[in-house]
Each structure stands twice: as C-alpha cells, then as structure tokens.
Amino acid sequence: MPQITGNTGEYLLGYSVGEQGRLCRQTEELAVDSLWLLNQLSLQPGDRAVDVGCGPRGILDQLSERVGDSGKVIGLEASEVLN
C-alpha cells in the first residue's frame, strides 16, 4: 500500500486548490462504488457513523442519508486545509 504521508505527517500530494478539486472529483467518480460498499453494511436510521480521513467531502452525504435525521455522522480530517 502506498504511503500517503511522509515522516513529518505531511500529505504527499499537497493541499493545493487543484488537489482539493481532485479529491472532490474522486468522491463523485467513486460514488457508485461507495454506495455498493455501504450496501454491504447494515447502517440503519438512528445509527452513528464516522468517516476517518474524509478529506473535503468523503462519503459524508451518503452516510447521512443512511442514518437519517435521528442518526449521527462525523467526518474526521487531520488537515485543517481540507476541513
């Protein structure tokens, strides 16, 4: 598995506007696969979910749809630039 951080913990691909755009496009391009993976879980309304390393978008919208108004979704991102 490729390393995404250097010894200093920095994200190797950087935090540029272009990289943030790529991460958002990646979320859109992988939406069908993400939905398939989420279908393998038994998330129900009222459940709680976390997206660790969510980046600028992650799958927070898809998780929120699954757990509904009575559930809770938390997105964790180490980079303040991507939050």
PDB file of N, CA and C in Angstrom:
ATOM      1  N   MET A   1       0.849  -1.172   0.000  1.00  0.00           N
ATOM      2  CA  MET A   1       0.000   0.000   0.000  1.00  0.00           C
ATOM      3  C   MET A   1       0.896   1.237   0.000  1.00  0.00           C
ATOM      4  N   PRO A   2       0.613   2.218  -0.886  1.00  0.00           N
ATOM      5  CA  PRO A   2       1.453   3.418  -0.921  1.00  0.00           C
ATOM      6  C   PRO A   2       1.300   4.256   0.341  1.00  0.00           C
ATOM      7  N   GLN A   3       2.383   4.881   0.696  1.00  0.00           N
ATOM      8  CA  GLN A   3       2.376   5.750   1.873  1.00  0.00           C
ATOM      9  C   GLN A   3       1.844   7.116   1.455  1.00  0.00           C
ATOM     10  N   ILE A   4       0.866   7.638   2.194  1.00  0.00           N
ATOM     11  CA  ILE A   4       0.293   8.938   1.832  1.00  0.00           C
ATOM     12  C   ILE A   4       0.849  10.069   2.666  1.00  0.00           C
ATOM     13  N   THR A   5       1.656   9.738   3.658  1.00  0.00           N
ATOM     14  CA  THR A   5       2.283  10.791   4.447  1.00  0.00           C
ATOM     15  C   THR A   5       3.771  10.528   4.543  1.00  0.00           C
ATOM     16  N   GLY A   6       4.543  11.581   4.668  1.00  0.00           N
ATOM     17  CA  GLY A   6       5.975  11.451   4.878  1.00  0.00           C
ATOM     18  C   GLY A   6       6.264  11.286   6.354  1.00  0.00           C
ATOM     19  N   ASN A   7       7.509  11.302   6.700  1.00  0.00           N
ATOM     20  CA  ASN A   7       7.895  11.149   8.107  1.00  0.00           C
ATOM     21  C   ASN A   7       7.348  12.267   8.982  1.00  0.00           C
ATOM     22  N   THR A   8       7.085  13.423   8.369  1.00  0.00           N
ATOM     23  CA  THR A   8       6.578  14.560   9.145  1.00  0.00           C
ATOM     24  C   THR A   8       5.058  14.539   9.269  1.00  0.00           C
ATOM     25  N   GLY A   9       4.407  13.573   8.630  1.00  0.00           N
ATOM     26  CA  GLY A   9       2.957  13.507   8.666  1.00  0.00           C
ATOM     27  C   GLY A   9       2.292  14.352   7.593  1.00  0.00           C
ATOM     28  N   GLU A  10       3.084  14.974   6.734  1.00  0.00           N
ATOM     29  CA  GLU A  10       2.520  15.798   5.667  1.00  0.00           C
ATOM     30  C   GLU A  10       1.913  14.921   4.572  1.00  0.00           C
ATOM     31  N   TYR A  11       0.796  15.342   4.025  1.00  0.00           N
ATOM     32  CA  TYR A  11       0.140  14.665   2.918  1.00  0.00           C
ATOM     33  C   TYR A  11       0.995  14.875   1.676  1.00  0.00           C
ATOM     34  N   LEU A  12       1.492  13.796   1.089  1.00  0.00           N
ATOM     35  CA  LEU A  12       2.453  13.895  -0.007  1.00  0.00           C
ATOM     36  C   LEU A  12       1.919  14.587  -1.254  1.00  0.00           C
ATOM     37  N   LEU A  13       0.612  14.531  -1.485  1.00  0.00           N
ATOM     38  CA  LEU A  13       0.056  15.158  -2.683  1.00  0.00           C
ATOM     39  C   LEU A  13      -0.231  16.645  -2.483  1.00  0.00           C
ATOM     40  N   GLY A  14       0.001  17.143  -1.278  1.00  0.00           N
ATOM     41  CA  GLY A  14      -0.150  18.567  -1.010  1.00  0.00           C
ATOM     42  C   GLY A  14      -1.577  18.981  -0.713  1.00  0.00           C
ATOM     43  N   TYR A  15      -1.738  20.281  -0.498  1.00  0.00           N
ATOM     44  CA  TYR A  15      -3.027  20.834  -0.102  1.00  0.00           C
ATOM     45  C   TYR A  15      -3.492  21.930  -1.052  1.00  0.00           C
ATOM     46  N   SER A  16      -3.077  21.860  -2.275  1.00  0.00           N
ATOM     47  CA  SER A  16      -3.417  22.903  -3.241  1.00  0.00           C
ATOM     48  C   SER A  16      -4.903  22.865  -3.588  1.00  0.00           C
ATOM     49  N   VAL A  17      -5.370  23.943  -4.186  1.00  0.00           N
ATOM     50  CA  VAL A  17      -6.753  24.007  -4.655  1.00  0.00           C
ATOM     51  C   VAL A  17      -6.997  22.895  -5.665  1.00  0.00           C
ATOM     52  N   GLY A  18      -6.005  22.645  -6.516  1.00  0.00           N
ATOM     53  CA  GLY A  18      -6.129  21.576  -7.501  1.00  0.00           C
ATOM     54  C   GLY A  18      -6.289  20.209  -6.854  1.00  0.00           C
ATOM     55  N   GLU A  19      -5.531  19.951  -5.797  1.00  0.00           N
ATOM     56  CA  GLU A  19      -5.636  18.665  -5.094  1.00  0.00           C
ATOM     57  C   GLU A  19      -6.978  18.543  -4.396  1.00  0.00           C
ATOM     58  N   GLN A  20      -7.468  19.622  -3.826  1.00  0.00           N
ATOM     59  CA  GLN A  20      -8.791  19.588  -3.201  1.00  0.00           C
ATOM     60  C   GLN A  20      -9.857  19.291  -4.253  1.00  0.00           C
ATOM     61  N   GLY A  21      -9.717  19.895  -5.429  1.00  0.00           N
ATOM     62  CA  GLY A  21     -10.648  19.621  -6.527  1.00  0.00           C
ATOM     63  C   GLY A  21     -10.586  18.165  -6.958  1.00  0.00           C
ATOM     64  N   ARG A  22      -9.378  17.610  -7.010  1.00  0.00           N
ATOM     65  CA  ARG A  22      -9.221  16.208  -7.398  1.00  0.00           C
ATOM     66  C   ARG A  22      -9.912  15.293  -6.392  1.00  0.00           C
ATOM     67  N   LEU A  23      -9.763  15.612  -5.114  1.00  0.00           N
ATOM     68  CA  LEU A  23     -10.407  14.803  -4.087  1.00  0.00           C
ATOM     69  C   LEU A  23     -11.933  14.878  -4.190  1.00  0.00           C
ATOM     70  N   CYS A  24     -12.457  16.043  -4.514  1.00  0.00           N
ATOM     71  CA  CYS A  24     -13.908  16.176  -4.697  1.00  0.00           C
ATOM     72  C   CYS A  24     -14.372  15.403  -5.925  1.00  0.00           C
ATOM     73  N   ARG A  25     -13.619  15.487  -7.006  1.00  0.00           N
ATOM     74  CA  ARG A  25     -13.962  14.726  -8.217  1.00  0.00           C
ATOM     75  C   ARG A  25     -13.887  13.226  -7.941  1.00  0.00           C
ATOM     76  N   GLN A  26     -12.893  12.823  -7.168  1.00  0.00           N
ATOM     77  CA  GLN A  26     -12.739  11.413  -6.822  1.00  0.00           C
ATOM     78  C   GLN A  26     -13.974  10.914  -6.086  1.00  0.00           C
ATOM     79  N   THR A  27     -14.504  11.718  -5.179  1.00  0.00           N
ATOM     80  CA  THR A  27     -15.718  11.350  -4.452  1.00  0.00           C
ATOM     81  C   THR A  27     -16.863  11.113  -5.424  1.00  0.00           C
ATOM     82  N   GLU A  28     -17.008  12.001  -6.403  1.00  0.00           N
ATOM     83  CA  GLU A  28     -18.080  11.867  -7.394  1.00  0.00           C
ATOM     84  C   GLU A  28     -17.853  10.650  -8.284  1.00  0.00           C
ATOM     85  N   GLU A  29     -16.614  10.453  -8.726  1.00  0.00           N
ATOM     86  CA  GLU A  29     -16.302   9.343  -9.631  1.00  0.00           C
ATOM     87  C   GLU A  29     -16.459   7.979  -8.957  1.00  0.00           C
ATOM     88  N   LEU A  30     -16.254   7.921  -7.660  1.00  0.00           N
ATOM     89  CA  LEU A  30     -16.342   6.656  -6.925  1.00  0.00           C
ATOM     90  C   LEU A  30     -17.675   6.483  -6.207  1.00  0.00           C
ATOM     91  N   ALA A  31     -18.630   7.368  -6.476  1.00  0.00           N
ATOM     92  CA  ALA A  31     -19.907   7.337  -5.756  1.00  0.00           C
ATOM     93  C   ALA A  31     -20.620   5.996  -5.901  1.00  0.00           C
ATOM     94  N   VAL A  32     -20.647   5.422  -7.094  1.00  0.00           N
ATOM     95  CA  VAL A  32     -21.333   4.144  -7.304  1.00  0.00           C
ATOM     96  C   VAL A  32     -20.657   3.041  -6.493  1.00  0.00           C
ATOM     97  N   ASP A  33     -19.333   3.017  -6.517  1.00  0.00           N
ATOM     98  CA  ASP A  33     -18.601   2.014  -5.736  1.00  0.00           C
ATOM     99  C   ASP A  33     -18.800   2.228  -4.238  1.00  0.00           C
ATOM    100  N   SER A  34     -18.812   3.487  -3.818  1.00  0.00           N
ATOM    101  CA  SER A  34     -19.029   3.787  -2.402  1.00  0.00           C
ATOM    102  C   SER A  34     -20.406   3.313  -1.957  1.00  0.00           C
ATOM    103  N   LEU A  35     -21.414   3.553  -2.800  1.00  0.00           N
ATOM    104  CA  LEU A  35     -22.765   3.097  -2.470  1.00  0.00           C
ATOM    105  C   LEU A  35     -22.818   1.577  -2.365  1.00  0.00           C
ATOM    106  N   TRP A  36     -22.140   0.891  -3.272  1.00  0.00           N
ATOM    107  CA  TRP A  36     -22.104  -0.569  -3.217  1.00  0.00           C
ATOM    108  C   TRP A  36     -21.501  -1.029  -1.895  1.00  0.00           C
ATOM    109  N   LEU A  37     -20.383  -0.405  -1.508  1.00  0.00           N
ATOM    110  CA  LEU A  37     -19.744  -0.778  -0.249  1.00  0.00           C
ATOM    111  C   LEU A  37     -20.655  -0.500   0.945  1.00  0.00           C
ATOM    112  N   LEU A  38     -21.323   0.651   0.931  1.00  0.00           N
ATOM    113  CA  LEU A  38     -22.241   0.979   2.024  1.00  0.00           C
ATOM    114  C   LEU A  38     -23.408  -0.002   2.086  1.00  0.00           C
ATOM    115  N   ASN A  39     -23.814  -0.528   0.933  1.00  0.00           N
ATOM    116  CA  ASN A  39     -24.892  -1.523   0.910  1.00  0.00           C
ATOM    117  C   ASN A  39     -24.476  -2.818   1.602  1.00  0.00           C
ATOM    118  N   GLN A  40     -23.185  -3.036   1.755  1.00  0.00           N
ATOM    119  CA  GLN A  40     -22.698  -4.246   2.422  1.00  0.00           C
ATOM    120  C   GLN A  40     -22.788  -4.110   3.948  1.00  0.00           C
ATOM    121  N   LEU A  41     -23.017  -2.899   4.412  1.00  0.00           N
ATOM    122  CA  LEU A  41     -23.144  -2.634   5.851  1.00  0.00           C
ATOM    123  C   LEU A  41     -24.611  -2.634   6.249  1.00  0.00           C
ATOM    124  N   SER A  42     -24.847  -2.746   7.510  1.00  0.00           N
ATOM    125  CA  SER A  42     -26.237  -2.742   7.981  1.00  0.00           C
ATOM    126  C   SER A  42     -26.568  -1.421   8.678  1.00  0.00           C
ATOM    127  N   LEU A  43     -26.161  -0.305   8.065  1.00  0.00           N
ATOM    128  CA  LEU A  43     -26.486   1.000   8.640  1.00  0.00           C
ATOM    129  C   LEU A  43     -27.981   1.247   8.540  1.00  0.00           C
ATOM    130  N   GLN A  44     -28.540   1.705   9.654  1.00  0.00           N
ATOM    131  CA  GLN A  44     -29.975   1.959   9.742  1.00  0.00           C
ATOM    132  C   GLN A  44     -30.213   3.370  10.261  1.00  0.00           C
ATOM    133  N   PRO A  45     -31.410   3.911  10.027  1.00  0.00           N
ATOM    134  CA  PRO A  45     -31.737   5.204  10.629  1.00  0.00           C
ATOM    135  C   PRO A  45     -31.501   5.139  12.142  1.00  0.00           C
ATOM    136  N   GLY A  46     -30.865   6.178  12.653  1.00  0.00           N
ATOM    137  CA  GLY A  46     -30.551   6.257  14.068  1.00  0.00           C
ATOM    138  C   GLY A  46     -29.147   5.779  14.416  1.00  0.00           C
ATOM    139  N   ASP A  47     -28.475   5.125  13.471  1.00  0.00           N
ATOM    140  CA  ASP A  47     -27.108   4.662  13.717  1.00  0.00           C
ATOM    141  C   ASP A  47     -26.134   5.829  13.725  1.00  0.00           C
ATOM    142  N   ARG A  48     -24.922   5.541  14.161  1.00  0.00           N
ATOM    143  CA  ARG A  48     -23.837   6.518  14.133  1.00  0.00           C
ATOM    144  C   ARG A  48     -22.735   5.985  13.233  1.00  0.00           C
ATOM    145  N   ALA A  49     -22.077   6.897  12.494  1.00  0.00           N
ATOM    146  CA  ALA A  49     -21.015   6.505  11.573  1.00  0.00           C
ATOM    147  C   ALA A  49     -19.921   7.556  11.584  1.00  0.00           C
ATOM    148  N   VAL A  50     -18.706   7.132  11.244  1.00  0.00           N
ATOM    149  CA  VAL A  50     -17.574   8.049  11.167  1.00  0.00           C
ATOM    150  C   VAL A  50     -16.817   7.786   9.873  1.00  0.00           C
ATOM    151  N   ASP A  51     -16.399   8.850   9.220  1.00  0.00           N
ATOM    152  CA  ASP A  51     -15.550   8.774   8.032  1.00  0.00           C
ATOM    153  C   ASP A  51     -14.195   9.330   8.456  1.00  0.00           C
ATOM    154  N   VAL A  52     -13.231   8.439   8.680  1.00  0.00           N
ATOM    155  CA  VAL A  52     -11.899   8.835   9.139  1.00  0.00           C
ATOM    156  C   VAL A  52     -11.047   9.192   7.932  1.00  0.00           C
ATOM    157  N   GLY A  53     -10.497  10.403   7.947  1.00  0.00           N
ATOM    158  CA  GLY A  53      -9.715  10.884   6.808  1.00  0.00           C
ATOM    159  C   GLY A  53     -10.621  11.260   5.652  1.00  0.00           C
ATOM    160  N   CYS A  54     -11.701  11.939   5.957  1.00  0.00           N
ATOM    161  CA  CYS A  54     -12.748  12.214   4.963  1.00  0.00           C
ATOM    162  C   CYS A  54     -12.329  13.195   3.871  1.00  0.00           C
ATOM    163  N   GLY A  55     -11.304  13.991   4.112  1.00  0.00           N
ATOM    164  CA  GLY A  55     -10.931  14.982   3.102  1.00  0.00           C
ATOM    165  C   GLY A  55     -12.001  16.050   2.987  1.00  0.00           C
ATOM    166  N   PRO A  56     -12.067  16.719   1.841  1.00  0.00           N
ATOM    167  CA  PRO A  56     -13.019  17.820   1.704  1.00  0.00           C
ATOM    168  C   PRO A  56     -14.477  17.370   1.621  1.00  0.00           C
ATOM    169  N   ARG A  57     -14.725  16.112   1.260  1.00  0.00           N
ATOM    170  CA  ARG A  57     -16.109  15.634   1.172  1.00  0.00           C
ATOM    171  C   ARG A  57     -16.294  14.221   1.692  1.00  0.00           C
ATOM    172  N   GLY A  58     -15.445  13.329   1.287  1.00  0.00           N
ATOM    173  CA  GLY A  58     -15.599  11.941   1.709  1.00  0.00           C
ATOM    174  C   GLY A  58     -16.944  11.371   1.304  1.00  0.00           C
ATOM    175  N   ILE A  59     -17.483  10.505   2.135  1.00  0.00           N
ATOM    176  CA  ILE A  59     -18.799   9.915   1.860  1.00  0.00           C
ATOM    177  C   ILE A  59     -19.812  10.366   2.915  1.00  0.00           C
ATOM    178  N   LEU A  60     -19.598  11.553   3.413  1.00  0.00           N
ATOM    179  CA  LEU A  60     -20.458  12.068   4.484  1.00  0.00           C
ATOM    180  C   LEU A  60     -21.921  12.163   4.057  1.00  0.00           C
ATOM    181  N   ASP A  61     -22.175  12.604   2.837  1.00  0.00           N
ATOM    182  CA  ASP A  61     -23.558  12.720   2.354  1.00  0.00           C
ATOM    183  C   ASP A  61     -24.230  11.354   2.310  1.00  0.00           C
ATOM    184  N   GLN A  62     -23.514  10.373   1.782  1.00  0.00           N
ATOM    185  CA  GLN A  62     -24.083   9.029   1.662  1.00  0.00           C
ATOM    186  C   GLN A  62     -24.338   8.413   3.040  1.00  0.00           C
ATOM    187  N   LEU A  63     -23.403   8.617   3.963  1.00  0.00           N
ATOM    188  CA  LEU A  63     -23.606   8.116   5.321  1.00  0.00           C
ATOM    189  C   LEU A  63     -24.799   8.800   5.982  1.00  0.00           C
ATOM    190  N   SER A  64     -24.911  10.109   5.788  1.00  0.00           N
ATOM    191  CA  SER A  64     -26.012  10.868   6.389  1.00  0.00           C
ATOM    192  C   SER A  64     -27.367  10.386   5.886  1.00  0.00           C
ATOM    193  N   GLU A  65     -27.453  10.084   4.593  1.00  0.00           N
ATOM    194  CA  GLU A  65     -28.700   9.569   4.037  1.00  0.00           C
ATOM    195  C   GLU A  65     -29.089   8.257   4.707  1.00  0.00           C
ATOM    196  N   ARG A  66     -28.110   7.427   5.016  1.00  0.00           N
ATOM    197  CA  ARG A  66     -28.377   6.109   5.608  1.00  0.00           C
ATOM    198  C   ARG A  66     -28.830   6.214   7.063  1.00  0.00           C
ATOM    199  N   VAL A  67     -28.204   7.086   7.827  1.00  0.00           N
ATOM    200  CA  VAL A  67     -28.530   7.141   9.263  1.00  0.00           C
ATOM    201  C   VAL A  67     -29.683   8.090   9.558  1.00  0.00           C
ATOM    202  N   GLY A  68     -30.040   8.941   8.602  1.00  0.00           N
ATOM    203  CA  GLY A  68     -31.192   9.815   8.744  1.00  0.00           C
ATOM    204  C   GLY A  68     -31.023  10.891   9.806  1.00  0.00           C
ATOM    205  N   ASP A  69     -32.112  11.604  10.033  1.00  0.00           N
ATOM    206  CA  ASP A  69     -32.113  12.718  10.996  1.00  0.00           C
ATOM    207  C   ASP A  69     -31.879  12.257  12.427  1.00  0.00           C
ATOM    208  N   SER A  70     -32.231  11.026  12.719  1.00  0.00           N
ATOM    209  CA  SER A  70     -32.065  10.532  14.092  1.00  0.00           C
ATOM    210  C   SER A  70     -30.673   9.942  14.333  1.00  0.00           C
ATOM    211  N   GLY A  71     -29.872   9.816  13.269  1.00  0.00           N
ATOM    212  CA  GLY A  71     -28.522   9.283  13.403  1.00  0.00           C
ATOM    213  C   GLY A  71     -27.495  10.394  13.491  1.00  0.00           C
ATOM    214  N   LYS A  72     -26.237   9.990  13.466  1.00  0.00           N
ATOM    215  CA  LYS A  72     -25.153  10.963  13.575  1.00  0.00           C
ATOM    216  C   LYS A  72     -23.982  10.503  12.712  1.00  0.00           C
ATOM    217  N   VAL A  73     -23.410  11.445  11.962  1.00  0.00           N
ATOM    218  CA  VAL A  73     -22.234  11.175  11.140  1.00  0.00           C
ATOM    219  C   VAL A  73     -21.158  12.180  11.502  1.00  0.00           C
ATOM    220  N   ILE A  74     -19.957  11.679  11.687  1.00  0.00           N
ATOM    221  CA  ILE A  74     -18.819  12.545  11.997  1.00  0.00           C
ATOM    222  C   ILE A  74     -17.750  12.315  10.939  1.00  0.00           C
ATOM    223  N   GLY A  75     -17.220  13.400  10.397  1.00  0.00           N
ATOM    224  CA  GLY A  75     -16.101  13.324   9.463  1.00  0.00           C
ATOM    225  C   GLY A  75     -14.845  13.816  10.166  1.00  0.00           C
ATOM    226  N   LEU A  76     -13.825  12.984  10.204  1.00  0.00           N
ATOM    227  CA  LEU A  76     -12.553  13.353  10.828  1.00  0.00           C
ATOM    228  C   LEU A  76     -11.506  13.570   9.751  1.00  0.00           C
ATOM    229  N   GLU A  77     -10.831  14.699   9.812  1.00  0.00           N
ATOM    230  CA  GLU A  77      -9.764  15.027   8.877  1.00  0.00           C
ATOM    231  C   GLU A  77      -8.658  15.731   9.642  1.00  0.00           C
ATOM    232  N   ALA A  78      -7.448  15.225   9.517  1.00  0.00           N
ATOM    233  CA  ALA A  78      -6.309  15.802  10.244  1.00  0.00           C
ATOM    234  C   ALA A  78      -5.903  17.153   9.698  1.00  0.00           C
ATOM    235  N   SER A  79      -6.077  17.367   8.407  1.00  0.00           N
ATOM    236  CA  SER A  79      -5.635  18.603   7.777  1.00  0.00           C
ATOM    237  C   SER A  79      -6.659  19.709   7.952  1.00  0.00           C
ATOM    238  N   GLU A  80      -6.247  20.811   8.530  1.00  0.00           N
ATOM    239  CA  GLU A  80      -7.138  21.966   8.655  1.00  0.00           C
ATOM    240  C   GLU A  80      -7.428  22.564   7.294  1.00  0.00           C
ATOM    241  N   VAL A  81      -6.519  22.387   6.336  1.00  0.00           N
ATOM    242  CA  VAL A  81      -6.691  22.928   4.991  1.00  0.00           C
ATOM    243  C   VAL A  81      -7.867  22.262   4.301  1.00  0.00           C
ATOM    244  N   LEU A  82      -8.085  20.969   4.543  1.00  0.00           N
ATOM    245  CA  LEU A  82      -9.152  20.236   3.882  1.00  0.00           C
ATOM    246  C   LEU A  82     -10.464  20.317   4.632  1.00  0.00           C
ATOM    247  N   ASN A  83     -10.479  20.884   5.810  1.00  0.00           N
ATOM    248  CA  ASN A  83     -11.719  20.971   6.589  1.00  0.00           C
ATOM    249  C   ASN A  83     -12.533  22.167   6.192  1.00  0.00           C
TER     250      ASN A  83
END
